Every structure is written in structure tokens, then in C-alpha cells.
N, C-alpha and C. Protein backbone atom coordinates (compact mmCIF):
# COMPACT_ATOMS: atom_id res chain seq x y z
N MET A 1 -60.91 32.77 -22.08
CA MET A 1 -59.49 32.86 -21.93
C MET A 1 -59.17 33.94 -20.91
N GLY A 2 -58.19 33.70 -20.08
CA GLY A 2 -57.79 34.66 -19.07
C GLY A 2 -56.71 35.58 -19.59
N PRO A 3 -56.41 36.65 -18.83
CA PRO A 3 -55.42 37.60 -19.31
C PRO A 3 -54.02 37.00 -19.33
N CYS A 4 -53.29 37.32 -20.35
CA CYS A 4 -51.89 36.89 -20.46
C CYS A 4 -51.03 38.14 -20.38
N ARG A 5 -50.59 38.45 -19.19
CA ARG A 5 -49.84 39.68 -19.00
C ARG A 5 -48.50 39.64 -19.72
N THR A 6 -47.98 38.47 -20.00
CA THR A 6 -46.71 38.41 -20.72
C THR A 6 -46.90 38.57 -22.22
N ALA A 7 -48.13 38.52 -22.69
CA ALA A 7 -48.38 38.65 -24.12
C ALA A 7 -48.20 40.08 -24.60
N GLY A 8 -48.49 41.03 -23.74
CA GLY A 8 -48.40 42.42 -24.16
C GLY A 8 -47.09 43.04 -23.74
N LEU A 9 -46.95 43.36 -22.48
CA LEU A 9 -45.75 44.00 -21.97
C LEU A 9 -45.00 43.02 -21.10
N ALA A 10 -43.76 42.79 -21.37
CA ALA A 10 -43.04 41.78 -20.63
C ALA A 10 -41.93 42.31 -19.74
N ALA A 11 -41.45 43.49 -19.98
CA ALA A 11 -40.27 43.92 -19.25
C ALA A 11 -40.49 45.23 -18.53
N ALA A 12 -39.89 45.36 -17.36
CA ALA A 12 -39.88 46.63 -16.66
C ALA A 12 -38.64 47.38 -17.13
N SER A 13 -38.86 48.50 -17.80
CA SER A 13 -37.74 49.26 -18.34
C SER A 13 -37.96 50.73 -18.06
N PRO A 14 -36.88 51.49 -17.94
CA PRO A 14 -37.03 52.93 -17.76
C PRO A 14 -37.59 53.56 -19.03
N VAL A 15 -38.26 54.68 -18.87
CA VAL A 15 -38.82 55.39 -20.02
C VAL A 15 -37.70 56.16 -20.73
N ALA A 16 -37.66 56.03 -22.03
CA ALA A 16 -36.70 56.81 -22.82
C ALA A 16 -37.24 58.22 -22.95
N GLU A 17 -36.41 59.19 -22.65
CA GLU A 17 -36.88 60.57 -22.72
C GLU A 17 -36.67 61.17 -24.11
N ALA A 18 -35.48 60.99 -24.69
CA ALA A 18 -35.21 61.68 -25.93
C ALA A 18 -35.02 60.75 -27.12
N SER A 19 -34.53 59.57 -26.88
CA SER A 19 -34.32 58.68 -28.02
C SER A 19 -34.73 57.27 -27.66
N PHE A 20 -35.03 56.49 -28.66
CA PHE A 20 -35.55 55.16 -28.48
C PHE A 20 -34.53 54.17 -29.00
N SER A 21 -34.30 53.11 -28.25
CA SER A 21 -33.39 52.08 -28.72
C SER A 21 -33.94 50.73 -28.31
N VAL A 22 -34.07 49.84 -29.28
CA VAL A 22 -34.56 48.51 -28.98
C VAL A 22 -33.63 47.82 -27.98
N LYS A 23 -32.36 48.18 -27.96
CA LYS A 23 -31.41 47.58 -27.03
C LYS A 23 -31.74 47.94 -25.59
N ARG A 24 -32.30 49.11 -25.37
CA ARG A 24 -32.68 49.54 -24.02
C ARG A 24 -33.93 48.82 -23.54
N PHE A 25 -34.74 48.32 -24.45
CA PHE A 25 -36.01 47.68 -24.11
C PHE A 25 -36.07 46.31 -24.77
N PRO A 26 -35.19 45.38 -24.40
CA PRO A 26 -35.07 44.13 -25.15
C PRO A 26 -36.30 43.23 -25.07
N LEU A 27 -37.05 43.24 -23.98
CA LEU A 27 -38.18 42.33 -23.87
C LEU A 27 -39.48 42.94 -24.34
N ASP A 28 -39.65 44.23 -24.16
CA ASP A 28 -40.85 44.87 -24.67
C ASP A 28 -40.57 46.32 -25.05
N PRO A 29 -40.24 46.52 -26.29
CA PRO A 29 -39.91 47.88 -26.73
C PRO A 29 -41.11 48.82 -26.76
N TYR A 30 -42.32 48.31 -26.63
CA TYR A 30 -43.50 49.17 -26.67
C TYR A 30 -43.83 49.75 -25.30
N ARG A 31 -43.14 49.30 -24.28
CA ARG A 31 -43.39 49.79 -22.92
C ARG A 31 -43.22 51.30 -22.83
N ALA A 32 -42.16 51.83 -23.42
CA ALA A 32 -41.91 53.27 -23.38
C ALA A 32 -43.03 54.04 -24.08
N VAL A 33 -43.55 53.47 -25.16
CA VAL A 33 -44.65 54.11 -25.88
C VAL A 33 -45.86 54.22 -24.97
N LEU A 34 -46.24 53.12 -24.34
CA LEU A 34 -47.42 53.13 -23.47
C LEU A 34 -47.23 54.03 -22.26
N GLN A 35 -46.05 54.02 -21.68
CA GLN A 35 -45.78 54.91 -20.55
C GLN A 35 -45.91 56.37 -20.98
N GLY A 36 -45.38 56.70 -22.15
CA GLY A 36 -45.48 58.06 -22.65
C GLY A 36 -46.92 58.47 -22.91
N LEU A 37 -47.69 57.59 -23.53
CA LEU A 37 -49.10 57.89 -23.79
C LEU A 37 -49.86 58.09 -22.49
N ASN A 38 -49.64 57.21 -21.52
CA ASN A 38 -50.32 57.32 -20.24
C ASN A 38 -49.93 58.61 -19.53
N ARG A 39 -48.65 58.93 -19.52
CA ARG A 39 -48.16 60.11 -18.82
C ARG A 39 -48.76 61.38 -19.39
N ARG A 40 -48.94 61.44 -20.70
CA ARG A 40 -49.46 62.64 -21.36
C ARG A 40 -50.98 62.64 -21.50
N GLY A 41 -51.65 61.59 -20.99
CA GLY A 41 -53.10 61.56 -21.02
C GLY A 41 -53.70 61.28 -22.38
N VAL A 42 -52.98 60.60 -23.24
CA VAL A 42 -53.51 60.25 -24.56
C VAL A 42 -54.60 59.20 -24.37
N ARG A 43 -55.73 59.43 -25.01
CA ARG A 43 -56.83 58.47 -24.94
C ARG A 43 -56.66 57.46 -26.07
N TYR A 44 -56.43 56.20 -25.67
CA TYR A 44 -56.19 55.11 -26.61
C TYR A 44 -56.80 53.83 -26.08
N VAL A 45 -56.98 52.87 -26.97
CA VAL A 45 -57.36 51.51 -26.63
C VAL A 45 -56.54 50.60 -27.53
N VAL A 46 -55.91 49.58 -26.94
CA VAL A 46 -55.16 48.61 -27.74
C VAL A 46 -56.18 47.71 -28.44
N VAL A 47 -55.99 47.50 -29.73
CA VAL A 47 -56.94 46.72 -30.54
C VAL A 47 -56.17 45.72 -31.40
N GLY A 48 -56.89 45.08 -32.31
CA GLY A 48 -56.27 44.16 -33.26
C GLY A 48 -55.70 42.93 -32.58
N MET A 49 -54.75 42.31 -33.26
CA MET A 49 -54.11 41.11 -32.70
C MET A 49 -53.39 41.44 -31.41
N THR A 50 -52.82 42.63 -31.35
CA THR A 50 -52.13 43.05 -30.13
C THR A 50 -53.09 42.98 -28.94
N GLY A 51 -54.27 43.54 -29.10
CA GLY A 51 -55.26 43.52 -28.02
C GLY A 51 -55.75 42.12 -27.70
N ILE A 52 -55.99 41.32 -28.72
CA ILE A 52 -56.47 39.95 -28.51
C ILE A 52 -55.45 39.15 -27.72
N ASN A 53 -54.17 39.38 -27.97
CA ASN A 53 -53.14 38.63 -27.25
C ASN A 53 -53.16 38.87 -25.74
N TYR A 54 -53.66 39.99 -25.28
CA TYR A 54 -53.75 40.23 -23.84
C TYR A 54 -54.70 39.25 -23.16
N TYR A 55 -55.59 38.65 -23.90
CA TYR A 55 -56.57 37.72 -23.34
C TYR A 55 -56.12 36.26 -23.37
N ALA A 56 -54.95 36.01 -23.90
CA ALA A 56 -54.45 34.64 -23.97
C ALA A 56 -54.18 34.11 -22.55
N LYS A 57 -54.40 32.82 -22.35
CA LYS A 57 -54.15 32.20 -21.04
C LYS A 57 -52.66 32.14 -20.74
N ASN A 58 -51.86 31.93 -21.78
CA ASN A 58 -50.42 31.85 -21.62
C ASN A 58 -49.77 32.24 -22.95
N PRO A 59 -48.47 32.50 -22.94
CA PRO A 59 -47.82 32.96 -24.17
C PRO A 59 -47.95 32.02 -25.36
N SER A 60 -48.13 30.74 -25.13
CA SER A 60 -48.26 29.82 -26.27
C SER A 60 -49.57 30.00 -27.03
N GLU A 61 -50.50 30.73 -26.45
CA GLU A 61 -51.79 30.99 -27.12
C GLU A 61 -51.84 32.36 -27.79
N THR A 62 -50.71 33.03 -27.89
CA THR A 62 -50.70 34.32 -28.56
C THR A 62 -50.49 34.13 -30.05
N PHE A 63 -50.78 35.18 -30.79
CA PHE A 63 -50.65 35.15 -32.25
C PHE A 63 -49.64 36.20 -32.67
N ALA A 64 -48.81 35.84 -33.63
CA ALA A 64 -47.79 36.77 -34.12
C ALA A 64 -48.44 37.95 -34.82
N THR A 65 -47.86 39.10 -34.60
CA THR A 65 -48.30 40.31 -35.28
C THR A 65 -47.08 41.16 -35.53
N LEU A 66 -47.09 41.90 -36.60
CA LEU A 66 -45.92 42.69 -36.97
C LEU A 66 -45.98 44.12 -36.43
N ASP A 67 -47.09 44.46 -35.79
CA ASP A 67 -47.23 45.83 -35.31
C ASP A 67 -47.98 45.86 -33.99
N TYR A 68 -48.09 47.04 -33.43
CA TYR A 68 -48.81 47.27 -32.18
C TYR A 68 -49.92 48.24 -32.53
N ASP A 69 -51.18 47.80 -32.44
CA ASP A 69 -52.32 48.60 -32.90
C ASP A 69 -52.93 49.40 -31.76
N LEU A 70 -52.94 50.72 -31.94
CA LEU A 70 -53.55 51.63 -30.98
C LEU A 70 -54.68 52.39 -31.65
N PHE A 71 -55.87 52.28 -31.09
CA PHE A 71 -57.03 53.03 -31.57
C PHE A 71 -57.07 54.30 -30.74
N LEU A 72 -56.88 55.45 -31.38
CA LEU A 72 -56.86 56.73 -30.69
C LEU A 72 -58.19 57.43 -30.78
N GLU A 73 -58.54 58.14 -29.71
CA GLU A 73 -59.68 59.04 -29.81
C GLU A 73 -59.34 60.03 -30.91
N PRO A 74 -60.19 60.11 -31.93
CA PRO A 74 -59.83 60.90 -33.12
C PRO A 74 -60.08 62.40 -32.97
N THR A 75 -59.38 63.00 -32.01
CA THR A 75 -59.42 64.46 -31.86
C THR A 75 -58.04 65.00 -32.20
N LEU A 76 -57.99 66.21 -32.68
CA LEU A 76 -56.73 66.83 -33.11
C LEU A 76 -55.71 66.83 -31.97
N LYS A 77 -56.11 67.28 -30.80
CA LYS A 77 -55.19 67.37 -29.66
C LYS A 77 -54.67 65.99 -29.25
N ASN A 78 -55.54 64.99 -29.20
CA ASN A 78 -55.15 63.65 -28.78
C ASN A 78 -54.17 63.01 -29.77
N VAL A 79 -54.47 63.12 -31.05
CA VAL A 79 -53.60 62.53 -32.07
C VAL A 79 -52.26 63.27 -32.10
N GLU A 80 -52.30 64.57 -31.98
CA GLU A 80 -51.06 65.35 -31.97
C GLU A 80 -50.15 64.92 -30.81
N LYS A 81 -50.72 64.74 -29.62
CA LYS A 81 -49.92 64.29 -28.48
C LYS A 81 -49.29 62.93 -28.76
N ALA A 82 -50.06 62.01 -29.32
CA ALA A 82 -49.54 60.67 -29.61
C ALA A 82 -48.39 60.74 -30.61
N VAL A 83 -48.55 61.53 -31.66
CA VAL A 83 -47.49 61.66 -32.67
C VAL A 83 -46.23 62.23 -32.05
N LEU A 84 -46.36 63.27 -31.24
CA LEU A 84 -45.19 63.90 -30.62
C LEU A 84 -44.46 62.93 -29.70
N ILE A 85 -45.21 62.11 -28.97
CA ILE A 85 -44.59 61.11 -28.09
C ILE A 85 -43.79 60.11 -28.90
N LEU A 86 -44.40 59.59 -29.96
CA LEU A 86 -43.69 58.62 -30.79
C LEU A 86 -42.45 59.24 -31.43
N GLN A 87 -42.56 60.45 -31.92
CA GLN A 87 -41.40 61.11 -32.51
C GLN A 87 -40.30 61.31 -31.47
N SER A 88 -40.66 61.66 -30.24
CA SER A 88 -39.66 61.87 -29.19
C SER A 88 -38.95 60.57 -28.83
N LEU A 89 -39.59 59.43 -29.11
CA LEU A 89 -39.00 58.12 -28.84
C LEU A 89 -38.23 57.57 -30.04
N GLY A 90 -38.09 58.38 -31.08
CA GLY A 90 -37.30 57.97 -32.22
C GLY A 90 -38.06 57.30 -33.34
N PHE A 91 -39.38 57.32 -33.28
CA PHE A 91 -40.19 56.75 -34.36
C PHE A 91 -40.31 57.78 -35.48
N THR A 92 -40.36 57.29 -36.71
CA THR A 92 -40.69 58.09 -37.87
C THR A 92 -42.16 57.83 -38.16
N VAL A 93 -42.92 58.89 -38.31
CA VAL A 93 -44.37 58.76 -38.50
C VAL A 93 -44.72 59.07 -39.95
N GLY A 94 -45.60 58.23 -40.51
CA GLY A 94 -46.01 58.44 -41.88
C GLY A 94 -47.46 58.07 -42.11
N THR A 95 -47.90 58.32 -43.32
CA THR A 95 -49.24 57.93 -43.77
C THR A 95 -49.06 57.13 -45.05
N ALA A 96 -50.15 56.69 -45.63
CA ALA A 96 -50.08 55.97 -46.91
C ALA A 96 -49.49 56.87 -48.00
N GLN A 97 -49.57 58.19 -47.81
CA GLN A 97 -49.05 59.12 -48.81
C GLN A 97 -47.59 59.49 -48.60
N GLY A 98 -46.98 59.05 -47.50
CA GLY A 98 -45.57 59.38 -47.26
C GLY A 98 -45.34 59.85 -45.83
N LEU A 99 -44.24 60.55 -45.63
CA LEU A 99 -43.90 61.03 -44.30
C LEU A 99 -44.96 61.98 -43.76
N PHE A 100 -45.18 61.89 -42.47
CA PHE A 100 -46.13 62.75 -41.78
C PHE A 100 -45.64 64.19 -41.80
N LYS A 101 -46.55 65.10 -42.11
CA LYS A 101 -46.27 66.54 -42.03
C LYS A 101 -47.30 67.14 -41.08
N SER A 102 -46.82 67.89 -40.11
CA SER A 102 -47.72 68.43 -39.08
C SER A 102 -48.84 69.27 -39.69
N GLU A 103 -48.58 69.92 -40.81
CA GLU A 103 -49.63 70.73 -41.43
C GLU A 103 -50.77 69.89 -41.99
N ASP A 104 -50.56 68.57 -42.12
CA ASP A 104 -51.61 67.67 -42.63
C ASP A 104 -52.45 67.05 -41.51
N LEU A 105 -52.12 67.34 -40.26
CA LEU A 105 -52.78 66.65 -39.15
C LEU A 105 -54.30 66.88 -39.12
N SER A 106 -54.76 68.09 -39.36
CA SER A 106 -56.21 68.35 -39.36
C SER A 106 -56.93 67.47 -40.37
N GLU A 107 -56.38 67.36 -41.56
CA GLU A 107 -56.98 66.52 -42.60
C GLU A 107 -56.94 65.05 -42.21
N ILE A 108 -55.83 64.61 -41.64
CA ILE A 108 -55.68 63.21 -41.20
C ILE A 108 -56.75 62.87 -40.18
N VAL A 109 -56.96 63.75 -39.21
CA VAL A 109 -57.97 63.50 -38.18
C VAL A 109 -59.37 63.56 -38.77
N ARG A 110 -59.64 64.57 -39.59
CA ARG A 110 -60.97 64.72 -40.20
C ARG A 110 -61.34 63.50 -41.04
N GLU A 111 -60.37 62.98 -41.80
CA GLU A 111 -60.63 61.83 -42.66
C GLU A 111 -60.34 60.49 -41.98
N GLN A 112 -59.95 60.55 -40.72
CA GLN A 112 -59.66 59.37 -39.90
C GLN A 112 -58.71 58.40 -40.61
N LYS A 113 -57.60 58.95 -41.08
CA LYS A 113 -56.56 58.15 -41.74
C LYS A 113 -55.69 57.47 -40.68
N THR A 114 -55.08 56.39 -41.06
CA THR A 114 -54.17 55.66 -40.18
C THR A 114 -52.77 56.25 -40.30
N LEU A 115 -52.12 56.41 -39.15
CA LEU A 115 -50.72 56.81 -39.10
C LEU A 115 -49.90 55.59 -38.72
N VAL A 116 -48.73 55.47 -39.32
CA VAL A 116 -47.84 54.35 -39.01
C VAL A 116 -46.52 54.92 -38.53
N ALA A 117 -46.10 54.47 -37.35
CA ALA A 117 -44.84 54.91 -36.76
C ALA A 117 -43.86 53.74 -36.75
N THR A 118 -42.64 53.96 -37.25
CA THR A 118 -41.65 52.89 -37.32
C THR A 118 -40.31 53.38 -36.79
N THR A 119 -39.48 52.40 -36.42
CA THR A 119 -38.11 52.70 -36.03
C THR A 119 -37.18 52.00 -37.02
N PRO A 120 -35.91 52.41 -37.06
CA PRO A 120 -34.95 51.72 -37.93
C PRO A 120 -34.80 50.24 -37.58
N GLU A 121 -35.10 49.90 -36.31
CA GLU A 121 -35.00 48.50 -35.89
C GLU A 121 -36.18 47.65 -36.34
N GLY A 122 -37.18 48.29 -36.95
CA GLY A 122 -38.32 47.54 -37.46
C GLY A 122 -39.54 47.52 -36.57
N LEU A 123 -39.54 48.27 -35.49
CA LEU A 123 -40.73 48.34 -34.65
C LEU A 123 -41.80 49.16 -35.36
N MET A 124 -43.06 48.79 -35.17
CA MET A 124 -44.14 49.50 -35.84
C MET A 124 -45.33 49.66 -34.90
N VAL A 125 -45.83 50.88 -34.84
CA VAL A 125 -47.05 51.19 -34.10
C VAL A 125 -48.01 51.80 -35.10
N GLU A 126 -49.21 51.22 -35.18
CA GLU A 126 -50.25 51.81 -36.03
C GLU A 126 -51.18 52.63 -35.14
N LEU A 127 -51.38 53.88 -35.53
CA LEU A 127 -52.30 54.77 -34.84
C LEU A 127 -53.57 54.82 -35.68
N LEU A 128 -54.57 54.10 -35.22
CA LEU A 128 -55.83 53.97 -35.95
C LEU A 128 -56.82 55.01 -35.43
N LEU A 129 -57.50 55.68 -36.33
CA LEU A 129 -58.50 56.66 -35.93
C LEU A 129 -59.91 56.15 -36.18
N LYS A 130 -60.00 54.94 -36.76
CA LYS A 130 -61.28 54.24 -36.91
C LYS A 130 -60.98 52.76 -37.05
N ILE A 131 -61.93 51.94 -36.62
CA ILE A 131 -61.85 50.50 -36.82
C ILE A 131 -63.22 50.00 -37.22
N SER A 132 -63.27 48.81 -37.73
CA SER A 132 -64.54 48.23 -38.18
C SER A 132 -65.46 47.99 -37.00
N GLY A 133 -66.67 48.54 -37.09
CA GLY A 133 -67.72 48.21 -36.15
C GLY A 133 -67.91 49.09 -34.94
N TYR A 134 -66.92 49.88 -34.57
CA TYR A 134 -67.04 50.63 -33.32
C TYR A 134 -66.39 52.01 -33.42
N PRO A 135 -67.10 53.02 -32.91
CA PRO A 135 -66.42 54.30 -32.72
C PRO A 135 -65.54 54.21 -31.47
N PHE A 136 -64.61 55.12 -31.33
CA PHE A 136 -63.69 55.09 -30.19
C PHE A 136 -64.45 55.05 -28.86
N SER A 137 -65.48 55.86 -28.74
CA SER A 137 -66.20 55.95 -27.47
C SER A 137 -66.77 54.60 -27.03
N ASP A 138 -67.23 53.77 -27.97
CA ASP A 138 -67.76 52.45 -27.62
C ASP A 138 -66.68 51.51 -27.10
N LEU A 139 -65.51 51.55 -27.69
CA LEU A 139 -64.43 50.69 -27.22
C LEU A 139 -63.84 51.19 -25.91
N ALA A 140 -63.71 52.49 -25.77
CA ALA A 140 -63.11 53.06 -24.56
C ALA A 140 -64.02 52.89 -23.34
N ARG A 141 -65.32 52.93 -23.56
CA ARG A 141 -66.28 52.89 -22.45
C ARG A 141 -66.10 51.66 -21.57
N ASP A 142 -65.88 50.50 -22.16
CA ASP A 142 -65.76 49.29 -21.34
C ASP A 142 -64.42 48.58 -21.55
N ALA A 143 -63.40 49.36 -21.94
CA ALA A 143 -62.08 48.78 -22.12
C ALA A 143 -61.58 48.19 -20.81
N VAL A 144 -60.82 47.14 -20.91
CA VAL A 144 -60.24 46.48 -19.75
C VAL A 144 -58.84 47.06 -19.56
N THR A 145 -58.52 47.40 -18.32
CA THR A 145 -57.17 47.90 -18.04
C THR A 145 -56.35 46.76 -17.46
N PHE A 146 -55.32 46.37 -18.19
CA PHE A 146 -54.39 45.35 -17.71
C PHE A 146 -53.24 46.07 -17.03
N ASP A 147 -52.84 45.57 -15.89
CA ASP A 147 -51.66 46.10 -15.22
C ASP A 147 -50.53 45.14 -15.54
N VAL A 148 -49.60 45.60 -16.34
CA VAL A 148 -48.51 44.75 -16.76
C VAL A 148 -47.22 45.35 -16.20
N ARG A 149 -46.76 44.75 -15.12
CA ARG A 149 -45.54 45.22 -14.46
C ARG A 149 -45.58 46.71 -14.20
N GLY A 150 -46.70 47.16 -13.67
CA GLY A 150 -46.83 48.55 -13.28
C GLY A 150 -47.28 49.51 -14.36
N VAL A 151 -47.48 49.05 -15.56
CA VAL A 151 -47.93 49.92 -16.65
C VAL A 151 -49.40 49.59 -16.96
N PRO A 152 -50.30 50.55 -16.73
CA PRO A 152 -51.70 50.30 -17.10
C PRO A 152 -51.86 50.35 -18.62
N VAL A 153 -52.52 49.32 -19.16
CA VAL A 153 -52.72 49.22 -20.60
C VAL A 153 -54.21 49.03 -20.86
N LYS A 154 -54.82 49.98 -21.58
CA LYS A 154 -56.25 49.90 -21.89
C LYS A 154 -56.43 49.07 -23.15
N VAL A 155 -57.22 47.99 -23.02
CA VAL A 155 -57.41 47.04 -24.11
C VAL A 155 -58.91 46.88 -24.36
N GLY A 156 -59.31 46.86 -25.61
CA GLY A 156 -60.71 46.66 -25.95
C GLY A 156 -61.21 45.31 -25.44
N LYS A 157 -62.49 45.24 -25.15
CA LYS A 157 -63.11 43.97 -24.73
C LYS A 157 -62.89 42.92 -25.82
N LEU A 158 -62.58 41.71 -25.39
CA LEU A 158 -62.27 40.65 -26.35
C LEU A 158 -63.40 40.45 -27.36
N LYS A 159 -64.63 40.41 -26.89
CA LYS A 159 -65.76 40.19 -27.80
C LYS A 159 -65.81 41.27 -28.88
N LYS A 160 -65.55 42.51 -28.51
CA LYS A 160 -65.57 43.60 -29.48
C LYS A 160 -64.40 43.50 -30.46
N LEU A 161 -63.24 43.10 -29.97
CA LEU A 161 -62.09 42.95 -30.86
C LEU A 161 -62.35 41.86 -31.89
N LEU A 162 -62.94 40.76 -31.44
CA LEU A 162 -63.27 39.66 -32.37
C LEU A 162 -64.35 40.09 -33.35
N THR A 163 -65.35 40.82 -32.88
CA THR A 163 -66.40 41.32 -33.77
C THR A 163 -65.82 42.25 -34.82
N SER A 164 -64.91 43.12 -34.41
CA SER A 164 -64.28 44.04 -35.36
C SER A 164 -63.52 43.26 -36.44
N LYS A 165 -62.82 42.20 -36.04
CA LYS A 165 -62.11 41.36 -37.02
C LYS A 165 -63.12 40.75 -38.00
N LYS A 166 -64.24 40.27 -37.46
CA LYS A 166 -65.26 39.64 -38.31
C LYS A 166 -65.84 40.66 -39.30
N LEU A 167 -66.13 41.87 -38.82
CA LEU A 167 -66.69 42.90 -39.67
C LEU A 167 -65.70 43.39 -40.73
N ALA A 168 -64.42 43.42 -40.39
CA ALA A 168 -63.41 43.83 -41.37
C ALA A 168 -63.39 42.88 -42.55
N ALA A 169 -63.58 41.58 -42.27
CA ALA A 169 -63.73 40.54 -43.30
C ALA A 169 -62.56 40.46 -44.28
N ARG A 170 -61.40 40.90 -43.85
CA ARG A 170 -60.22 40.72 -44.70
C ARG A 170 -59.84 39.24 -44.67
N PRO A 171 -59.21 38.74 -45.72
CA PRO A 171 -58.81 37.33 -45.72
C PRO A 171 -57.99 36.95 -44.49
N LYS A 172 -57.05 37.81 -44.07
CA LYS A 172 -56.23 37.48 -42.90
C LYS A 172 -57.08 37.43 -41.62
N ASP A 173 -58.13 38.23 -41.54
CA ASP A 173 -59.01 38.20 -40.37
C ASP A 173 -59.86 36.93 -40.36
N ARG A 174 -60.36 36.53 -41.52
CA ARG A 174 -61.14 35.30 -41.59
C ARG A 174 -60.28 34.10 -41.21
N HIS A 175 -59.05 34.07 -41.70
CA HIS A 175 -58.13 32.98 -41.36
C HIS A 175 -57.85 32.96 -39.86
N PHE A 176 -57.58 34.12 -39.28
CA PHE A 176 -57.34 34.20 -37.84
C PHE A 176 -58.54 33.68 -37.06
N LEU A 177 -59.74 34.13 -37.42
CA LEU A 177 -60.94 33.73 -36.67
C LEU A 177 -61.15 32.21 -36.72
N GLN A 178 -60.83 31.58 -37.84
CA GLN A 178 -60.91 30.12 -37.93
C GLN A 178 -59.90 29.47 -36.98
N ARG A 179 -58.68 29.97 -36.97
CA ARG A 179 -57.65 29.42 -36.07
C ARG A 179 -58.01 29.67 -34.60
N TYR A 180 -58.55 30.84 -34.33
CA TYR A 180 -58.92 31.20 -32.96
C TYR A 180 -60.03 30.28 -32.46
N GLN A 181 -61.02 30.03 -33.31
CA GLN A 181 -62.11 29.12 -32.94
C GLN A 181 -61.58 27.72 -32.66
N SER A 182 -60.64 27.26 -33.47
CA SER A 182 -60.02 25.94 -33.23
C SER A 182 -59.32 25.91 -31.89
N LEU A 183 -58.63 26.98 -31.54
CA LEU A 183 -57.94 27.06 -30.26
C LEU A 183 -58.94 26.95 -29.11
N LEU A 184 -60.07 27.62 -29.24
CA LEU A 184 -61.08 27.59 -28.18
C LEU A 184 -61.68 26.20 -28.01
N GLU A 185 -61.77 25.46 -29.10
CA GLU A 185 -62.36 24.12 -29.05
C GLU A 185 -61.41 23.06 -28.50
N GLU A 186 -60.13 23.35 -28.45
CA GLU A 186 -59.15 22.36 -27.96
C GLU A 186 -59.25 22.19 -26.45
């Protein structure tokens, strides 16, 4: 499958400096997030269904997902920068235990917990500090950079993203892999 640049980022929009509004970014509200991460040098790789969608031949071959999955290099400084960027864009950041507290960041990084950032409009970014099958360095080493309307987006290699789904072995991942295989056979 070839890259589907419309699957990930679709709109050229100005970067929000202090507040985030889905109305300002109607076609791709995640553009400001990626621009902010790139500008501040955050080391990330897009993974999960979000990453897989970048490899679709056209938008009809993409899969619905409720969030945007970012695998962060799990260092204190890198994760802190990512959290601050999301907060500056109007996202509320939390963990499975509740709202994010900056004093918990060391523990979050040490235990490689997932952070979830949301907006009142329902946008969600998951900040993953570990994924099934690969440390960050393995995914970042050969990540593919997609240029989507001037925004460089680092995406894990398709084979690795599919392998990670297989290793996770969650029911939703098994179902996706069956559907994905059917798509390839058509």
C-alpha cells in the first residue's frame, strides 16, 4: 500500500499559540499538535491505527480510530515537553488514575504509563511510552517521514505497526488484522 497523505493530516492551518479550537482546524485538528511537537524537538513516532492509516492508498482504505497515537521517547524531558505543548493547545492531560499532576511525571516515565490528552470537543491524543514488541529506539530508527502539506510526520514502519498489533493480541487488534488482510487480498 502506498502513502495516503490525506489519511493523517489534511489541512494547512496556522499553529495555535495559546488555545486550541476544533473550529480553527476543521479538517485536521491534530496538525497544531504535530507542528508543536516538531518545533520543540519532541521525539515521537505515530503508531497504532493512526500510523497504519498513513500507508493507505486512498482515504477509502483508512480505518476509523477515536484517538491519535503517539509513541514518545520515554525520557523525562521529552515527555514533559509533549505534555506542555498539549496543555498549551487546550488539552487536558490525564492518566488512568485521574488528572495529570506534574509531580507525578517521574513515576509516569519510570513506569512507562500512558497519558491521555483530550479537549472538550472530544479530540484525544494518547502519549504512549511503550508499545507491544518494540522499544522507542527500534521504531524511531527506521520511521518513515511523511510530508503532509508541509508538516513532517514521523510514522513507524508499516510492518512494525502490524507486528505490534499482532503481539498486543487484543480482540480489537485481531479483528483489525483480519479485516486488513481481507483488504490486501482484494
